[in-house]
């Protein structure tokens, strides 16, 4: 709204010309998200404590997690507030990239909210039944995929996917692109959800991922930089960097309260919305394959669950002491803080690796 209200006045007040710059608005979106978290975070935590909105602890989880009983959850509402307000203030709201990403964030957050509400407020142990949750994710993915297929933002790149490390090389999925959208949105939302098992882990990894995509969005939407780097030019995609940096700010603000020992958990409201948004940002930037690198730890967490299940069904043996992967390290004697910091270090390396692919092309 600030962009739409103030930038048109730059003809009369030259100082307002700064609103045309994506870097300026991205920086202030980050700061705004942080401030919102810092201002309303303590009040929100007290509200959840007063209403006894706490997350049930898994009976089959690590025994050390029993001390977390009573910790407020549904912190995803704080995250979403810290994302939506800066985006509405600083983004060009007529931009289709921003509109689709906001829609995804809202829809996935709504699914997560229903799950959290049924679990912690209505005291239904399983929350939203898994098949209904999956149906909501796949249905949205189908609708989004069909929309992007029949109404492409960039006509010549509607169903293309960039291949990392190769200049000007793409995969054209054709009509299968709709299926790809369904898979990416569903997989990323559930991957972040699986990773959200110890204090500060998932939200920290999301900060690294969205920071990487903020850079990719800015470069892809800049004609000069995209030509220099030999990457696909996506007009208007630069606005996504503002959204991504708002998420980074919201993630850092939430981490203030979610670091060990956590004062609040994000719940499915946060994990599903962040995961869904991450997948859609990758889709819109035509970086679906690079998402496997940027979000490599999310991939590892999901694969550990798949390997564990298949191994037990086929061989009646477990590969890991417990899945997802972070629980395996917990049972191996690593402290939560050590696991989180080491995962963050790997995430930083993956971020640098992913951004280096631009220059290697």
Protein backbone atom coordinates (compact mmCIF):
# COMPACT_ATOMS: atom_id res chain seq x y z
CA UNK A 1 0.00 0.00 0.00
CA UNK A 2 2.87 2.37 0.72
CA UNK A 3 4.21 1.64 -2.74
CA UNK A 4 0.87 2.45 -4.37
CA UNK A 5 0.23 5.48 -2.18
CA UNK A 6 3.63 7.13 -2.18
CA UNK A 7 5.41 6.21 -5.39
CA UNK A 8 2.90 8.06 -7.65
CA UNK A 9 3.85 11.22 -5.73
CA UNK A 10 7.51 11.01 -6.76
CA UNK A 11 6.84 13.57 -9.51
CA UNK A 12 6.17 16.13 -6.79
CA UNK A 13 8.54 14.87 -4.09
CA UNK A 14 11.69 13.43 -5.62
CA UNK A 15 12.65 11.64 -2.40
CA UNK A 16 9.75 9.25 -2.95
CA UNK A 17 11.52 7.96 -6.05
CA UNK A 18 13.25 5.45 -3.73
CA UNK A 19 10.03 3.40 -3.79
CA UNK A 20 10.78 2.33 -7.33
CA UNK A 21 13.84 0.42 -6.13
CA UNK A 22 13.25 -3.22 -5.22
CA UNK A 23 16.32 -3.31 -2.98
CA UNK A 24 14.97 -0.43 -0.88
CA UNK A 25 11.57 -2.02 -0.45
CA UNK A 26 13.04 -5.48 0.21
CA UNK A 27 15.23 -4.09 2.99
CA UNK A 28 12.33 -2.32 4.65
CA UNK A 29 10.06 -5.33 4.25
CA UNK A 30 12.65 -7.33 6.20
CA UNK A 31 12.87 -4.73 8.94
CA UNK A 32 9.08 -4.38 9.11
CA UNK A 33 8.65 -8.15 9.50
CA UNK A 34 11.22 -8.21 12.30
CA UNK A 35 9.58 -5.31 14.13
CA UNK A 36 6.14 -6.92 13.92
CA UNK A 37 7.54 -10.12 15.44
CA UNK A 38 9.28 -8.22 18.22
CA UNK A 39 6.27 -6.02 19.02
CA UNK A 40 3.41 -8.53 19.01
CA UNK A 41 5.40 -11.70 19.77
CA UNK A 42 5.37 -11.46 23.60
CA UNK A 43 1.69 -10.51 23.66
CA UNK A 44 0.81 -13.37 21.30
CA UNK A 45 2.72 -15.93 23.38
CA UNK A 46 0.94 -14.78 26.55
CA UNK A 47 -2.40 -15.06 24.76
CA UNK A 48 -1.71 -18.64 23.71
CA UNK A 49 -0.54 -19.53 27.20
CA UNK A 50 -3.67 -18.02 28.71
CA UNK A 51 -5.87 -20.03 26.36
CA UNK A 52 -3.72 -23.15 26.92
CA UNK A 53 -3.07 -23.58 23.20
CA UNK A 54 -0.18 -26.02 23.57
CA UNK A 55 1.11 -28.70 21.23
CA UNK A 56 0.74 -32.35 22.31
CA UNK A 57 4.07 -34.19 22.49
CA UNK A 58 4.43 -37.36 20.38
CA UNK A 59 4.42 -40.44 22.56
CA UNK A 60 6.80 -42.18 20.14
CA UNK A 61 9.18 -39.21 20.00
CA UNK A 62 12.45 -38.73 21.88
CA UNK A 63 11.99 -38.76 25.66
CA UNK A 64 13.84 -35.46 25.95
CA UNK A 65 10.86 -33.76 24.29
CA UNK A 66 8.64 -34.40 27.30
CA UNK A 67 10.00 -31.18 28.83
CA UNK A 68 8.41 -29.27 25.92
CA UNK A 69 4.90 -30.17 27.10
CA UNK A 70 2.80 -27.06 27.55
CA UNK A 71 4.74 -24.92 25.09
CA UNK A 72 2.31 -22.76 23.06
CA UNK A 73 1.83 -23.62 19.40
CA UNK A 74 0.09 -22.08 16.37
CA UNK A 75 2.97 -19.62 16.15
CA UNK A 76 2.43 -19.77 12.41
CA UNK A 77 -0.15 -17.02 12.92
CA UNK A 78 2.64 -14.76 14.16
CA UNK A 79 4.76 -15.71 11.15
CA UNK A 80 1.94 -15.06 8.70
CA UNK A 81 1.20 -11.67 10.25
CA UNK A 82 4.88 -10.78 9.96
CA UNK A 83 4.82 -11.75 6.28
CA UNK A 84 1.51 -10.36 5.08
CA UNK A 85 1.78 -6.87 6.59
CA UNK A 86 5.22 -6.05 5.07
CA UNK A 87 4.22 -7.52 1.71
CA UNK A 88 1.02 -5.47 1.64
CA UNK A 89 2.97 -2.37 2.62
CA UNK A 90 6.01 -2.61 0.37
CA UNK A 91 5.13 -4.79 -2.65
CA UNK A 92 3.51 -3.90 -5.94
CA UNK A 93 0.24 -5.70 -5.29
CA UNK A 94 -0.70 -5.74 -8.97
CA UNK A 95 2.26 -8.04 -9.66
CA UNK A 96 1.06 -11.58 -10.54
CA UNK A 97 4.11 -13.21 -8.92
CA UNK A 98 3.26 -11.59 -5.59
CA UNK A 99 -0.45 -12.33 -5.92
CA UNK A 100 0.06 -16.05 -6.55
CA UNK A 101 2.61 -16.40 -3.76
CA UNK A 102 0.35 -14.63 -1.26
CA UNK A 103 -2.56 -16.83 -2.30
CA UNK A 104 -0.47 -19.95 -1.78
CA UNK A 105 0.73 -18.75 1.62
CA UNK A 106 -2.83 -18.05 2.71
CA UNK A 107 -4.28 -21.33 1.45
CA UNK A 108 -1.58 -23.56 2.93
CA UNK A 109 -1.70 -21.56 6.15
CA UNK A 110 -5.46 -22.14 6.28
CA UNK A 111 -5.01 -25.90 5.94
CA UNK A 112 -2.39 -25.82 8.68
CA UNK A 113 -4.60 -23.66 10.90
CA UNK A 114 -7.50 -26.11 10.63
CA UNK A 115 -5.14 -28.95 11.52
CA UNK A 116 -3.72 -27.07 14.52
CA UNK A 117 -7.17 -25.95 15.67
CA UNK A 118 -8.59 -29.46 15.62
CA UNK A 119 -5.50 -30.82 17.37
CA UNK A 120 -4.85 -28.30 20.14
CA UNK A 121 -8.21 -26.60 20.63
CA UNK A 122 -10.67 -29.39 19.87
CA UNK A 123 -8.22 -31.96 21.30
CA UNK A 124 -8.46 -34.35 18.37
CA UNK A 125 -5.20 -36.35 18.55
CA UNK A 126 -4.72 -36.58 14.78
CA UNK A 127 -5.95 -33.07 13.99
CA UNK A 128 -7.08 -32.79 10.39
CA UNK A 129 -7.23 -36.27 8.90
CA UNK A 130 -4.22 -36.83 6.66
CA UNK A 131 -6.20 -37.58 3.49
CA UNK A 132 -8.18 -34.35 3.85
CA UNK A 133 -4.97 -32.37 4.33
CA UNK A 134 -3.44 -34.04 1.27
CA UNK A 135 -6.62 -33.41 -0.72
CA UNK A 136 -6.44 -29.69 0.10
CA UNK A 137 -2.80 -29.52 -0.99
CA UNK A 138 -3.25 -31.47 -4.21
CA UNK A 139 -6.43 -29.62 -5.16
CA UNK A 140 -4.71 -26.28 -4.76
CA UNK A 141 -1.71 -27.55 -6.72
CA UNK A 142 -4.01 -28.70 -9.50
CA UNK A 143 -5.80 -25.34 -9.65
CA UNK A 144 -2.52 -23.42 -9.59
CA UNK A 145 -0.92 -25.67 -12.19
CA UNK A 146 -3.89 -25.32 -14.53
CA UNK A 147 -3.89 -21.55 -14.06
CA UNK A 148 -0.17 -21.25 -14.86
CA UNK A 149 -0.53 -23.58 -17.84
CA UNK A 150 -3.45 -21.76 -19.45
CA UNK A 151 -2.54 -18.25 -18.22
CA UNK A 152 1.28 -18.16 -18.19
CA UNK A 153 2.94 -15.10 -16.71
CA UNK A 154 5.77 -15.43 -19.25
CA UNK A 155 4.34 -16.85 -22.47
CA UNK A 156 7.56 -18.35 -23.86
CA UNK A 157 8.51 -20.02 -20.55
CA UNK A 158 5.15 -21.34 -19.42
CA UNK A 159 6.16 -24.97 -18.91
CA UNK A 160 9.95 -24.65 -18.79
CA UNK A 161 12.28 -25.56 -15.95
CA UNK A 162 15.88 -24.36 -15.78
CA UNK A 163 18.59 -26.99 -15.42
CA UNK A 164 21.29 -25.94 -12.92
CA UNK A 165 24.88 -25.57 -14.17
CA UNK A 166 23.81 -25.51 -17.86
CA UNK A 167 23.46 -22.32 -19.88
CA UNK A 168 20.23 -21.95 -21.83
CA UNK A 169 19.19 -25.56 -21.19
CA UNK A 170 15.61 -26.21 -20.09
CA UNK A 171 13.17 -29.04 -19.66
CA UNK A 172 9.79 -28.47 -21.28
CA UNK A 173 7.20 -30.41 -19.29
CA UNK A 174 4.27 -29.58 -21.57
CA UNK A 175 0.93 -30.56 -20.06
CA UNK A 176 2.79 -32.56 -17.37
CA UNK A 177 3.69 -29.18 -15.87
CA UNK A 178 0.34 -29.22 -14.07
CA UNK A 179 1.34 -32.46 -12.34
CA UNK A 180 4.73 -30.95 -11.53
CA UNK A 181 3.08 -28.01 -9.77
CA UNK A 182 0.94 -30.38 -7.71
CA UNK A 183 3.98 -32.42 -6.70
CA UNK A 184 6.21 -29.46 -5.84
CA UNK A 185 3.62 -27.60 -3.75
CA UNK A 186 2.57 -30.73 -1.85
CA UNK A 187 6.10 -32.04 -1.37
CA UNK A 188 7.64 -28.80 -0.11
CA UNK A 189 4.81 -28.04 2.30
CA UNK A 190 5.06 -31.52 3.83
CA UNK A 191 8.87 -31.45 3.82
CA UNK A 192 8.98 -28.32 5.98
CA UNK A 193 6.30 -29.84 8.20
CA UNK A 194 8.42 -32.98 8.74
CA UNK A 195 11.51 -30.90 9.51
CA UNK A 196 9.71 -28.90 12.19
CA UNK A 197 10.66 -31.26 15.00
CA UNK A 198 13.21 -29.45 17.16
CA UNK A 199 13.56 -25.86 18.32
CA UNK A 200 14.63 -23.42 15.62
CA UNK A 201 15.43 -26.00 12.95
CA UNK A 202 12.74 -25.57 10.30
CA UNK A 203 12.39 -21.81 10.65
CA UNK A 204 16.15 -21.31 10.37
CA UNK A 205 16.38 -23.46 7.25
CA UNK A 206 13.47 -21.53 5.71
CA UNK A 207 15.35 -18.27 6.30
CA UNK A 208 18.33 -19.57 4.28
CA UNK A 209 16.11 -20.90 1.49
CA UNK A 210 14.09 -17.71 1.07
CA UNK A 211 17.25 -15.61 1.21
CA UNK A 212 18.64 -17.62 -1.73
CA UNK A 213 15.42 -17.23 -3.69
CA UNK A 214 15.34 -13.50 -2.93
CA UNK A 215 18.64 -13.20 -4.78
CA UNK A 216 17.44 -15.39 -7.64
CA UNK A 217 14.21 -13.40 -7.98
CA UNK A 218 16.04 -10.09 -8.11
CA UNK A 219 18.51 -11.29 -10.75
CA UNK A 220 15.82 -13.02 -12.84
CA UNK A 221 13.74 -9.86 -12.89
CA UNK A 222 16.62 -7.57 -13.86
CA UNK A 223 17.19 -7.41 -17.62
CA UNK A 224 20.88 -6.45 -17.43
CA UNK A 225 21.86 -8.98 -14.77
CA UNK A 226 19.89 -11.83 -16.35
CA UNK A 227 21.55 -11.18 -19.71
CA UNK A 228 24.99 -11.02 -18.12
CA UNK A 229 24.46 -14.26 -16.19
CA UNK A 230 22.76 -16.03 -19.11
CA UNK A 231 19.69 -16.88 -17.07
CA UNK A 232 16.02 -16.74 -18.04
CA UNK A 233 14.67 -13.19 -17.83
CA UNK A 234 11.30 -13.10 -16.07
CA UNK A 235 9.87 -9.61 -16.24
CA UNK A 236 8.31 -8.58 -12.94
CA UNK A 237 9.76 -11.45 -10.92
CA UNK A 238 11.98 -9.03 -9.00
CA UNK A 239 9.00 -8.19 -6.79
CA UNK A 240 9.27 -11.71 -5.40
CA UNK A 241 12.53 -10.73 -3.73
CA UNK A 242 10.52 -8.36 -1.52
CA UNK A 243 8.20 -11.20 -0.52
CA UNK A 244 11.16 -13.52 0.13
CA UNK A 245 12.95 -10.97 2.30
CA UNK A 246 9.75 -10.38 4.25
CA UNK A 247 9.77 -14.12 4.97
CA UNK A 248 13.42 -13.91 6.01
CA UNK A 249 12.57 -11.11 8.43
CA UNK A 250 9.56 -13.00 9.77
CA UNK A 251 11.67 -16.15 10.17
CA UNK A 252 14.39 -14.34 12.10
CA UNK A 253 11.78 -12.62 14.25
CA UNK A 254 10.08 -15.93 15.05
CA UNK A 255 13.46 -17.55 15.72
CA UNK A 256 13.89 -15.04 18.54
CA UNK A 257 11.18 -16.97 20.40
CA UNK A 258 11.60 -20.39 18.78
CA UNK A 259 15.32 -20.88 19.53
CA UNK A 260 16.13 -23.51 22.16
CA UNK A 261 14.42 -23.68 24.58
CA UNK A 262 11.44 -22.62 22.49
CA UNK A 263 8.81 -20.30 23.90
CA UNK A 264 6.49 -21.08 21.00
CA UNK A 265 6.13 -23.59 18.15
CA UNK A 266 5.04 -22.68 14.63
CA UNK A 267 2.68 -25.64 14.24
CA UNK A 268 1.26 -26.72 10.91
CA UNK A 269 -0.02 -23.18 10.34
CA UNK A 270 3.54 -22.04 9.88
CA UNK A 271 5.22 -25.10 8.39
CA UNK A 272 2.64 -25.78 5.67
CA UNK A 273 2.39 -22.12 4.64
CA UNK A 274 6.15 -21.63 4.49
CA UNK A 275 6.68 -24.90 2.64
CA UNK A 276 3.95 -24.18 0.13
CA UNK A 277 5.27 -20.68 -0.49
CA UNK A 278 8.79 -22.02 -0.96
CA UNK A 279 7.58 -24.44 -3.61
CA UNK A 280 5.59 -21.81 -5.48
CA UNK A 281 8.48 -19.33 -5.48
CA UNK A 282 10.67 -22.04 -7.06
CA UNK A 283 7.95 -22.77 -9.63
CA UNK A 284 7.43 -19.13 -10.57
CA UNK A 285 11.18 -18.58 -10.97
CA UNK A 286 11.54 -21.76 -13.04
CA UNK A 287 14.00 -23.13 -10.48
CA UNK A 288 12.25 -26.34 -9.45
CA UNK A 289 15.39 -28.46 -9.88
CA UNK A 290 17.55 -25.95 -8.02
CA UNK A 291 15.07 -26.19 -5.15
CA UNK A 292 16.48 -29.68 -4.54
CA UNK A 293 19.84 -28.03 -3.84
CA UNK A 294 18.65 -24.97 -1.94
CA UNK A 295 16.29 -27.07 0.16
CA UNK A 296 18.65 -30.05 0.29
CA UNK A 297 18.14 -30.60 4.00
CA UNK A 298 14.36 -30.71 3.56
CA UNK A 299 14.96 -33.37 0.89
CA UNK A 300 17.20 -35.30 3.29
CA UNK A 301 14.53 -35.20 6.01
CA UNK A 302 11.86 -36.54 3.67
CA UNK A 303 14.15 -39.21 2.24
CA UNK A 304 15.05 -40.42 5.73
CA UNK A 305 11.36 -41.06 6.42
CA UNK A 306 10.85 -42.84 3.09
CA UNK A 307 13.96 -45.00 3.57
CA UNK A 308 12.94 -45.85 7.14
CA UNK A 309 9.44 -46.91 6.15
CA UNK A 310 10.54 -48.96 3.13
CA UNK A 311 13.37 -50.63 5.03
CA UNK A 312 11.07 -51.66 7.86
CA UNK A 313 8.39 -52.96 5.52
CA UNK A 314 10.79 -54.91 3.31
CA UNK A 315 13.58 -55.97 5.68
CA UNK A 316 11.89 -55.49 9.07
CA UNK A 317 14.91 -53.41 10.04
CA UNK A 318 15.38 -49.71 10.69
CA UNK A 319 18.13 -47.73 8.98
CA UNK A 320 17.89 -44.81 11.38
CA UNK A 321 17.35 -44.83 15.13
CA UNK A 322 14.32 -42.64 14.46
CA UNK A 323 13.08 -40.59 11.53
CA UNK A 324 13.00 -37.82 10.39
CA UNK A 325 16.77 -37.43 10.27
CA UNK A 326 17.12 -34.87 13.07
CA UNK A 327 15.65 -37.37 15.55
CA UNK A 328 18.30 -39.90 14.54
CA UNK A 329 21.00 -37.45 15.62
CA UNK A 330 19.11 -36.69 18.83
CA UNK A 331 19.10 -40.36 19.78
CA UNK A 332 22.77 -40.52 18.82
CA UNK A 333 23.53 -38.13 21.66
CA UNK A 334 23.65 -34.78 19.84
CA UNK A 335 22.03 -31.87 21.66
CA UNK A 336 19.26 -29.96 19.93
CA UNK A 337 21.41 -26.85 19.64
CA UNK A 338 24.26 -28.80 18.03
CA UNK A 339 21.92 -30.38 15.48
CA UNK A 340 20.33 -27.05 14.59
CA UNK A 341 23.59 -25.13 14.22
CA UNK A 342 25.17 -27.89 12.11
CA UNK A 343 22.11 -28.07 9.88
CA UNK A 344 22.25 -24.28 9.50
CA UNK A 345 25.90 -24.49 8.46
CA UNK A 346 24.99 -27.03 5.79
CA UNK A 347 22.07 -24.83 4.68
CA UNK A 348 24.45 -21.88 4.29
CA UNK A 349 26.77 -23.99 2.15
CA UNK A 350 23.83 -25.12 0.00
CA UNK A 351 22.75 -21.50 -0.41
CA UNK A 352 26.22 -20.51 -1.62
CA UNK A 353 26.36 -23.54 -3.91
CA UNK A 354 22.99 -22.74 -5.45
CA UNK A 355 23.89 -19.10 -6.10
CA UNK A 356 27.23 -20.16 -7.58
CA UNK A 357 25.36 -22.07 -10.31
CA UNK A 358 24.42 -18.72 -11.84
CA UNK A 359 28.03 -17.82 -12.56
CA UNK A 360 28.97 -21.32 -13.65
CA UNK A 361 26.42 -21.25 -16.45
